[in-house]
């Protein structure tokens, strides 16, 4: 006798629930649940699978997760370096909850994501994760709405670790002619096109960049790509995507003495973003995104760090200094200081580089610093924040389990 499927055995239960609660009430309740629970409910019935996988449900769940005041759907993606023996280093991907980090909880534990990506563990149960044994070649480009853009041995992937699904994007076009050449990547969400886009800037051995390529999901299903050239050559430091524009600094080393160039993706025009009046002192600066706004982090290596935010894009007068951290106990913090997340109370979580990299939480009201401690963590080499989401759940075109 054939054993009934879990879906067929769940259908009567789903009908009983629907007889008691209207569909809109059921959907409203489900949109408040964590991703792990929602994925289980896909098996309740074909009807539940249909609306859970619908773009409207995915978007509604995402908005609620992003705006939760307790940040219980927010995660930190941690790239670590583990020295196992002399001349032998292994790189890992781990994650942890953001909420206890912001509360400076005494114990915050990091979970290993590498097992689900192909090293050790029960990899057979991973149906839709990409797999690789060489995490040295895995680079984190950025994250948006639960999607994390990674490069793996030259391939560009959009990966949702919450649902263990990925999408390989098309190539940017021309391949580098020389081994020393490559692409510099920028990832972001285009709210006007409702699409996730990755931009690659081709580099040459002189550090000059001339070609910009774009590849995207095309509304979560198909993938497409295009490219165009910039007249002349230019240097690029760090690049980010804000307000449907690309931005980059024009210095090959941090942002010292550089400009902020922009490319408006709507009309394909280049421009320059005016910077605030900083005052006196020698400093380096980098471009960042904080709270969805273009921001600048300045390093006065002997004294302090400042963070400036462009609150009204395109208006120079809206540059506002929101952070001033001074009197560091360890000047190593000033090597690099990247904002990772800003809470509704204004607290900012930073990832800093020094002899021993780590995290620090800045409270602007008390002008104080805390140092969250995360267990089961090796040397940090990169930190990104992401929100658990169902993005890519409605994509039935890719993400099969395979080794890269």
Protein backbone atom coordinates (compact mmCIF):
# COMPACT_ATOMS: atom_id res chain seq x y z
CA UNK A 1 0.00 0.00 0.00
CA UNK A 2 1.41 3.37 -1.02
CA UNK A 3 2.18 5.69 1.86
CA UNK A 4 0.31 9.02 1.58
CA UNK A 5 2.44 12.12 1.15
CA UNK A 6 2.85 14.59 4.00
CA UNK A 7 1.06 17.17 1.88
CA UNK A 8 -2.01 14.98 1.36
CA UNK A 9 -2.21 14.05 5.04
CA UNK A 10 -2.04 17.75 5.96
CA UNK A 11 -4.85 18.82 3.63
CA UNK A 12 -7.69 17.96 6.08
CA UNK A 13 -5.96 19.92 8.86
CA UNK A 14 -5.57 22.89 6.51
CA UNK A 15 -9.26 22.70 5.62
CA UNK A 16 -10.21 22.67 9.30
CA UNK A 17 -8.10 25.75 9.96
CA UNK A 18 -9.60 27.53 6.95
CA UNK A 19 -13.08 26.71 8.22
CA UNK A 20 -12.33 28.53 11.47
CA UNK A 21 -10.18 31.44 10.25
CA UNK A 22 -10.51 33.42 7.02
CA UNK A 23 -7.58 33.10 4.63
CA UNK A 24 -6.54 36.70 5.16
CA UNK A 25 -6.23 36.10 8.92
CA UNK A 26 -4.11 32.99 8.36
CA UNK A 27 -1.83 34.85 5.97
CA UNK A 28 -1.51 37.78 8.39
CA UNK A 29 -0.43 35.44 11.19
CA UNK A 30 2.09 33.65 8.99
CA UNK A 31 3.74 36.90 7.88
CA UNK A 32 4.84 37.50 11.49
CA UNK A 33 6.56 34.13 11.86
CA UNK A 34 10.30 33.44 11.42
CA UNK A 35 11.47 31.95 8.13
CA UNK A 36 12.21 28.53 9.62
CA UNK A 37 8.60 28.12 10.77
CA UNK A 38 7.15 29.37 7.49
CA UNK A 39 9.19 26.86 5.50
CA UNK A 40 7.60 24.07 7.54
CA UNK A 41 4.12 25.35 6.75
CA UNK A 42 4.77 24.96 3.02
CA UNK A 43 3.94 21.28 3.53
CA UNK A 44 0.50 21.93 5.07
CA UNK A 45 -1.32 22.11 1.74
CA UNK A 46 -0.92 23.12 -1.87
CA UNK A 47 -2.87 26.28 -1.11
CA UNK A 48 -0.51 27.27 1.70
CA UNK A 49 2.49 26.48 -0.49
CA UNK A 50 1.04 28.71 -3.20
CA UNK A 51 0.51 31.84 -1.10
CA UNK A 52 3.72 31.39 0.94
CA UNK A 53 5.66 31.32 -2.35
CA UNK A 54 3.82 34.30 -3.82
CA UNK A 55 5.71 37.60 -4.37
CA UNK A 56 3.12 39.49 -2.30
CA UNK A 57 3.57 37.25 0.74
CA UNK A 58 7.37 37.34 0.41
CA UNK A 59 7.36 41.14 0.21
CA UNK A 60 4.92 41.53 3.15
CA UNK A 61 6.96 39.19 5.34
CA UNK A 62 10.17 41.05 4.43
CA UNK A 63 8.75 44.45 5.38
CA UNK A 64 7.61 43.16 8.77
CA UNK A 65 10.94 41.45 9.45
CA UNK A 66 12.94 44.56 8.55
CA UNK A 67 10.83 46.82 10.77
CA UNK A 68 10.69 44.64 13.88
CA UNK A 69 11.89 46.69 16.82
CA UNK A 70 13.44 43.71 18.62
CA UNK A 71 15.56 42.77 15.55
CA UNK A 72 14.84 39.08 16.13
CA UNK A 73 15.03 38.43 12.37
CA UNK A 74 18.36 40.21 11.94
CA UNK A 75 21.58 38.20 11.63
CA UNK A 76 25.29 38.91 11.37
CA UNK A 77 27.24 37.10 8.66
CA UNK A 78 30.79 36.56 9.91
CA UNK A 79 33.72 35.61 7.70
CA UNK A 80 36.54 34.21 9.82
CA UNK A 81 40.09 32.97 9.42
CA UNK A 82 41.23 29.89 11.31
CA UNK A 83 44.92 29.01 11.58
CA UNK A 84 45.05 25.22 11.86
CA UNK A 85 48.78 24.72 11.44
CA UNK A 86 51.85 26.51 10.18
CA UNK A 87 51.21 27.89 6.69
CA UNK A 88 47.70 26.37 6.70
CA UNK A 89 44.71 28.70 7.06
CA UNK A 90 41.04 27.89 6.66
CA UNK A 91 38.29 30.43 6.06
CA UNK A 92 34.78 29.91 7.44
CA UNK A 93 31.38 31.52 7.18
CA UNK A 94 29.38 31.83 10.41
CA UNK A 95 26.35 33.72 11.63
CA UNK A 96 24.80 34.86 14.89
CA UNK A 97 21.73 36.75 16.10
CA UNK A 98 22.05 40.53 16.04
CA UNK A 99 19.67 41.26 18.94
CA UNK A 100 21.85 39.91 21.79
CA UNK A 101 24.86 41.66 20.29
CA UNK A 102 23.06 44.99 20.52
CA UNK A 103 22.07 44.18 24.11
CA UNK A 104 25.67 43.25 24.92
CA UNK A 105 24.50 39.85 26.18
CA UNK A 106 27.16 37.91 28.10
CA UNK A 107 27.00 34.94 25.71
CA UNK A 108 26.44 35.23 21.95
CA UNK A 109 27.24 32.06 20.02
CA UNK A 110 28.24 31.92 16.38
CA UNK A 111 26.89 29.09 14.20
CA UNK A 112 28.93 27.58 11.40
CA UNK A 113 27.40 28.10 7.96
CA UNK A 114 30.29 26.39 6.18
CA UNK A 115 28.79 22.95 6.79
CA UNK A 116 25.75 23.88 4.75
CA UNK A 117 27.98 25.16 1.97
CA UNK A 118 29.97 22.01 1.46
CA UNK A 119 32.62 21.42 4.14
CA UNK A 120 31.79 18.62 6.53
CA UNK A 121 28.42 18.03 8.11
CA UNK A 122 25.45 16.38 6.46
CA UNK A 123 25.75 18.05 3.08
CA UNK A 124 23.34 15.62 1.47
CA UNK A 125 20.40 17.23 3.23
CA UNK A 126 21.27 20.58 1.69
CA UNK A 127 19.09 20.71 -1.39
CA UNK A 128 19.75 24.18 -2.78
CA UNK A 129 22.95 25.58 -1.28
CA UNK A 130 26.05 26.13 -3.36
CA UNK A 131 28.98 23.98 -2.28
CA UNK A 132 32.68 24.73 -2.29
CA UNK A 133 35.70 23.38 -0.47
CA UNK A 134 37.76 26.53 -0.96
CA UNK A 135 36.34 29.31 1.20
CA UNK A 136 39.41 31.41 0.53
CA UNK A 137 37.78 32.10 -2.84
CA UNK A 138 34.44 33.13 -1.28
CA UNK A 139 34.18 36.91 -1.03
CA UNK A 140 31.21 38.80 0.44
CA UNK A 141 30.18 41.69 -1.81
CA UNK A 142 27.19 42.92 0.21
CA UNK A 143 23.68 42.14 1.39
CA UNK A 144 20.16 43.46 0.86
CA UNK A 145 16.75 42.19 1.99
CA UNK A 146 18.11 38.84 3.10
CA UNK A 147 20.09 38.24 -0.09
CA UNK A 148 23.86 38.07 0.16
CA UNK A 149 25.97 38.65 -2.91
CA UNK A 150 29.07 36.46 -2.94
CA UNK A 151 31.74 35.66 -5.49
CA UNK A 152 33.00 32.08 -5.63
CA UNK A 153 36.00 31.42 -7.85
CA UNK A 154 34.90 34.07 -10.35
CA UNK A 155 31.17 33.26 -10.29
CA UNK A 156 28.74 35.83 -8.90
CA UNK A 157 25.91 34.40 -6.80
CA UNK A 158 22.93 35.82 -4.95
CA UNK A 159 22.46 33.60 -1.90
CA UNK A 160 19.71 33.46 0.72
CA UNK A 161 21.14 31.48 3.67
CA UNK A 162 17.76 31.52 5.45
CA UNK A 163 16.10 29.34 2.81
CA UNK A 164 19.36 27.78 1.57
CA UNK A 165 18.91 28.85 -2.00
CA UNK A 166 21.15 30.66 -4.47
CA UNK A 167 21.05 32.10 -7.97
CA UNK A 168 24.07 32.24 -10.26
CA UNK A 169 24.08 35.46 -12.25
CA UNK A 170 25.21 35.83 -15.87
CA UNK A 171 28.76 36.88 -16.65
CA UNK A 172 29.47 40.57 -16.96
CA UNK A 173 30.63 40.20 -20.52
CA UNK A 174 34.33 40.42 -21.35
CA UNK A 175 36.67 38.30 -19.30
CA UNK A 176 39.93 39.87 -18.03
CA UNK A 177 42.78 39.42 -20.49
CA UNK A 178 45.40 39.15 -17.78
CA UNK A 179 45.59 37.20 -14.53
CA UNK A 180 46.22 40.47 -12.68
CA UNK A 181 42.97 41.95 -13.98
CA UNK A 182 39.57 41.37 -12.42
CA UNK A 183 36.26 42.87 -11.39
CA UNK A 184 35.41 45.15 -8.50
CA UNK A 185 31.80 44.47 -7.45
CA UNK A 186 28.95 46.54 -6.01
CA UNK A 187 25.59 45.04 -4.96
CA UNK A 188 22.30 46.74 -4.17
CA UNK A 189 18.53 46.72 -4.42
CA UNK A 190 16.96 49.00 -7.05
CA UNK A 191 13.62 50.04 -5.53
CA UNK A 192 12.45 51.72 -8.74
CA UNK A 193 12.91 48.57 -10.83
CA UNK A 194 12.15 46.31 -7.85
CA UNK A 195 15.23 44.30 -8.67
CA UNK A 196 18.56 43.17 -7.21
CA UNK A 197 21.56 44.29 -9.22
CA UNK A 198 25.28 43.58 -9.18
CA UNK A 199 27.73 45.93 -10.86
CA UNK A 200 31.24 44.98 -11.89
CA UNK A 201 34.02 47.41 -12.70
CA UNK A 202 36.81 45.90 -14.73
CA UNK A 203 40.27 46.57 -13.30
CA UNK A 204 43.64 46.46 -14.99
CA UNK A 205 47.16 46.12 -13.62
CA UNK A 206 47.53 49.89 -13.24
CA UNK A 207 44.50 50.11 -11.00
CA UNK A 208 42.55 52.04 -13.67
CA UNK A 209 38.91 51.14 -14.29
CA UNK A 210 37.15 51.65 -17.57
CA UNK A 211 34.22 49.27 -18.07
CA UNK A 212 31.12 48.94 -15.91
CA UNK A 213 28.89 45.89 -16.27
CA UNK A 214 25.50 45.23 -14.77
CA UNK A 215 23.78 41.94 -14.07
CA UNK A 216 20.51 41.43 -12.22
CA UNK A 217 17.71 39.03 -11.34
CA UNK A 218 15.05 40.76 -13.45
CA UNK A 219 12.21 40.61 -10.88
CA UNK A 220 13.33 37.45 -9.18
CA UNK A 221 13.05 35.00 -12.05
CA UNK A 222 15.15 35.52 -15.15
CA UNK A 223 18.66 36.93 -15.24
CA UNK A 224 20.05 39.47 -17.64
CA UNK A 225 23.18 41.55 -18.09
CA UNK A 226 24.46 44.61 -19.90
CA UNK A 227 27.54 46.80 -19.95
CA UNK A 228 28.76 50.23 -20.95
CA UNK A 229 32.03 52.16 -20.93
CA UNK A 230 33.17 55.28 -19.16
CA UNK A 231 35.24 57.70 -21.24
CA UNK A 232 38.83 57.69 -20.09
CA UNK A 233 40.32 55.91 -17.09
CA UNK A 234 39.87 56.53 -13.41
CA UNK A 235 40.89 55.13 -10.03
CA UNK A 236 38.38 53.62 -7.64
CA UNK A 237 38.65 53.02 -3.93
CA UNK A 238 35.39 51.66 -2.49
CA UNK A 239 32.04 51.45 -4.26
CA UNK A 240 28.46 51.38 -2.98
CA UNK A 241 24.93 51.59 -4.35
CA UNK A 242 22.55 54.25 -2.98
CA UNK A 243 19.50 56.03 -4.43
CA UNK A 244 19.62 54.17 -7.77
CA UNK A 245 23.17 55.40 -8.30
CA UNK A 246 26.62 53.90 -8.01
CA UNK A 247 29.19 55.77 -5.95
CA UNK A 248 32.90 55.34 -5.58
CA UNK A 249 35.89 57.21 -4.26
CA UNK A 250 38.62 58.13 -6.71
CA UNK A 251 41.61 57.17 -4.60
CA UNK A 252 43.24 53.74 -4.84
CA UNK A 253 44.05 53.87 -1.10
CA UNK A 254 41.06 54.55 1.10
CA UNK A 255 39.61 57.90 0.09
CA UNK A 256 42.47 60.26 0.82
CA UNK A 257 42.31 63.41 -1.32
CA UNK A 258 39.71 61.73 -3.48
CA UNK A 259 36.33 62.70 -4.89
CA UNK A 260 32.99 60.90 -4.76
CA UNK A 261 31.90 60.03 -8.27
CA UNK A 262 28.41 58.78 -9.11
CA UNK A 263 26.65 57.03 -11.95
CA UNK A 264 22.90 57.64 -12.20
CA UNK A 265 21.52 54.34 -13.46
CA UNK A 266 18.22 55.83 -14.60
CA UNK A 267 19.68 58.24 -17.18
CA UNK A 268 23.22 56.80 -17.33
CA UNK A 269 24.95 60.07 -16.48
CA UNK A 270 28.09 60.56 -14.40
CA UNK A 271 28.42 63.16 -11.70
CA UNK A 272 30.17 64.13 -8.47
CA UNK A 273 28.75 64.21 -4.95
CA UNK A 274 29.89 67.26 -3.01
CA UNK A 275 31.47 66.45 0.34
CA UNK A 276 30.89 68.24 3.66
CA UNK A 277 33.31 70.74 5.15
CA UNK A 278 35.40 68.57 7.42
CA UNK A 279 37.68 71.09 9.07
CA UNK A 280 41.38 70.77 9.77
CA UNK A 281 43.46 67.63 10.11
CA UNK A 282 44.96 64.82 8.06
CA UNK A 283 42.64 61.86 7.57
CA UNK A 284 41.57 58.92 5.42
CA UNK A 285 37.95 58.29 4.53
CA UNK A 286 35.82 55.52 3.09
CA UNK A 287 32.35 55.37 1.58
CA UNK A 288 29.71 53.36 3.40
CA UNK A 289 25.93 52.92 3.61
CA UNK A 290 24.27 53.55 6.97
CA UNK A 291 20.52 53.49 7.46
CA UNK A 292 20.06 53.45 3.68
CA UNK A 293 21.97 56.73 3.32
CA UNK A 294 25.29 57.56 1.70
CA UNK A 295 27.82 58.00 4.48
CA UNK A 296 31.49 58.78 4.98
CA UNK A 297 33.71 57.34 7.70
CA UNK A 298 36.77 59.47 8.43
CA UNK A 299 39.84 58.22 10.28
CA UNK A 300 42.05 60.67 12.13
CA UNK A 301 44.64 58.06 12.87
CA UNK A 302 46.05 59.73 15.93
CA UNK A 303 42.82 60.77 17.60
CA UNK A 304 39.28 59.97 16.42
CA UNK A 305 36.73 58.57 13.96
CA UNK A 306 33.83 60.53 12.47
CA UNK A 307 30.77 59.33 10.58
CA UNK A 308 28.90 61.69 8.25
CA UNK A 309 25.51 60.87 6.71
CA UNK A 310 23.93 62.50 3.64
CA UNK A 311 20.35 62.59 4.95
CA UNK A 312 18.86 64.24 1.86
CA UNK A 313 20.51 62.81 -1.23
CA UNK A 314 21.79 65.48 -3.61
CA UNK A 315 21.68 68.26 -1.00
CA UNK A 316 25.16 69.14 0.23
CA UNK A 317 23.80 71.00 3.27
CA UNK A 318 22.20 67.80 4.56
CA UNK A 319 25.56 66.21 5.41
CA UNK A 320 25.33 65.56 9.16
CA UNK A 321 28.00 64.34 11.56
CA UNK A 322 26.35 61.62 13.64
CA UNK A 323 29.34 59.96 15.28
CA UNK A 324 32.45 61.30 16.91
CA UNK A 325 34.53 58.62 18.64
CA UNK A 326 37.68 59.88 20.31
CA UNK A 327 40.19 58.91 23.00
CA UNK A 328 40.63 55.33 21.85
CA UNK A 329 42.33 53.04 24.34
CA UNK A 330 43.83 51.13 21.41
CA UNK A 331 44.95 53.17 18.38
CA UNK A 332 44.66 50.00 16.32
CA UNK A 333 40.94 50.68 16.03
CA UNK A 334 41.75 53.52 13.70
CA UNK A 335 43.18 51.21 11.05
CA UNK A 336 39.67 50.68 9.72
CA UNK A 337 36.20 51.06 11.18
CA UNK A 338 33.18 49.90 9.19
CA UNK A 339 29.59 50.61 10.34
CA UNK A 340 27.53 47.41 10.12
CA UNK A 341 24.15 48.41 11.58
CA UNK A 342 22.34 51.37 13.17
CA UNK A 343 19.50 50.75 15.62
CA UNK A 344 16.36 52.85 16.03
CA UNK A 345 17.94 54.34 19.17
CA UNK A 346 20.92 55.56 17.16
CA UNK A 347 23.40 52.97 18.40
CA UNK A 348 25.90 51.91 15.72
CA UNK A 349 27.61 48.55 15.51
CA UNK A 350 31.10 48.77 14.00
CA UNK A 351 33.49 46.15 12.71
CA UNK A 352 37.04 47.34 13.30
CA UNK A 353 40.44 46.22 12.09
CA UNK A 354 43.41 46.13 14.44
CA UNK A 355 45.88 43.52 15.65
CA UNK A 356 42.81 41.62 16.88
CA UNK A 357 39.73 42.58 14.80
CA UNK A 358 36.34 42.62 16.45
CA UNK A 359 33.03 44.43 17.00
CA UNK A 360 32.24 47.53 18.99
CA UNK A 361 28.89 49.14 19.80
CA UNK A 362 28.79 52.92 19.95
CA UNK A 363 26.14 54.77 21.97
CA UNK A 364 25.90 58.39 20.75
CA UNK A 365 23.81 59.52 23.74
CA UNK A 366 26.47 58.57 26.28
CA UNK A 367 29.38 58.71 23.82
CA UNK A 368 30.41 55.28 25.08
CA UNK A 369 31.73 52.06 23.56
CA UNK A 370 30.95 48.43 24.34
CA UNK A 371 32.64 45.37 22.91
CA UNK A 372 30.25 42.46 22.32
CA UNK A 373 31.75 39.03 22.81
CA UNK A 374 30.85 36.21 20.41
CA UNK A 375 31.87 32.67 21.27
CA UNK A 376 33.02 29.94 18.86
CA UNK A 377 34.56 32.59 16.66
CA UNK A 378 37.99 32.71 15.06
CA UNK A 379 39.72 35.83 13.72
CA UNK A 380 37.17 38.10 12.04
CA UNK A 381 37.97 39.14 8.48
CA UNK A 382 34.55 40.48 7.47
CA UNK A 383 31.08 41.27 8.86
CA UNK A 384 27.76 41.90 7.11
CA UNK A 385 24.24 42.25 8.44
CA UNK A 386 21.26 40.55 6.80
CA UNK A 387 17.57 40.03 7.57
CA UNK A 388 16.02 36.59 7.37
CA UNK A 389 13.68 36.62 4.39
CA UNK A 390 11.95 34.46 1.79
CA UNK A 391 13.45 36.29 -1.20
CA UNK A 392 14.25 33.77 -3.98
CA UNK A 393 11.61 31.35 -2.65
CA UNK A 394 9.47 32.08 -5.72
CA UNK A 395 12.42 31.50 -8.06
CA UNK A 396 12.05 28.01 -9.55
CA UNK A 397 14.75 28.50 -12.16
CA UNK A 398 17.98 27.93 -10.30
CA UNK A 399 19.79 27.15 -7.11
CA UNK A 400 20.25 23.44 -7.52
CA UNK A 401 22.79 21.82 -5.25
CA UNK A 402 26.16 21.61 -6.94
CA UNK A 403 29.85 22.07 -6.29
CA UNK A 404 31.63 25.09 -7.71
